[in-house]
Amino acid sequence: MNDATPFVRPDMRAFLDALAAMEGPAIADMTLEEARASYVALHAMADKPARELAVIRDLACPGPAGDIPLRLYDARERREAGPVVTFFHGGGFVIGDLETHHALCTELAHLLDLPVVATHYRRAPEAPFPAAIDDCEAAARWIAGSPGALGREATGLVTIGDSAGGTATIAVGQLLAANPADVPVVLQVPLFPLAADAMGSASLDAFADGFVLTKAAVQFFDAAYQGDRTDPRAFPILGDHASAPPTVIVTAGLDPIRDSGRDYAKALAEAGRSHVFLEIEGVTHSFTNLRQAVPSTQADLERVVAAMQFMLGA
């Protein structure tokens, strides 16, 4: 089935129809505060409730422009040394925060049985590119080398993020490959990332409207973030793939930035890097945060986690 008549899962279709019936303003027509509030409201409505865990604790680490807020999630009070998951939230580098992805982080900590540390980086337009990437890199380095403050000793980092956080995941992998942290990135998991410039891509036009993330929203985020189109920190497809860590790359079949993620999977294959590429059919961008409204996506998240465990040898 081609993009002209794309496959849409029944539960995804029901959610899209419900969104369309709400007839709210487009994100590009909102104030910044309204856009951020709408993103929180969308996830509060659409995502499964957060799981209860033994540890959910707010922390902070030093960053290039002040302390960076972090949140530690762990299903266990105490833990032997092992991998630590570093999570970077989505939202176009403009609208996400620790709350928008709280439920997802609790689910990842539960399913993986590993500690998860979420990072809240500086956001555009107040802090445009490369502020978010600088903060994500600083947080990853701190998590790699601060067992006392974290209460957990990392033997390796598992970096994961959705959308803009997926972009940050790849960028941090490249930065830490070039200048290693105290422990290596043992797995990176970009979820529907913007790896290559989406402007002019076939998927951006095929899914321009009516599939959660719109072309207008992509343009809105792009204008606010001001990513340098010659810098691999903004568009990691431009970076060095020869030293990419093992990767699980995930795209969504109905995503306007889908082709960007496909391009990154192709670059990994051509560089001969170990990776699993999952394109989740019949769902939109942000499907990992729609698990209540679109129940079939819970199994998709569990497939992603299974791929992560396979790559980690767990």
Foldseek 3Di string as FASTA:
>chain_A
DDLLDAFADPLQVVVLVVVVVVPDDDLLPDDLVVNLVVLLVQLVVFFDDADDAPAWDWDWDAFPVGIWIKIKGANDPADAEEEEEEEEEDDLLRHDACNSCVRLLRVLNVLQRHMYMYTGWHGWPVDAPPRRLRRSLRVVLCLQPPCPRVVYHYQAYEYEYEECSLLSQLLSQQVCLVPNHNHYHQEYEYAAYQQADLPPPPLLVSQQDSAPDHNSNNVSSCVGRVDDNQDCSRRVLNGDLLRGHEYEYEAEPNESSRVSSVSVVVVNVVSVHHYHYYYHGNHYGPLSSRCRSRVVCVVVVSVSSVRVCVSVVD
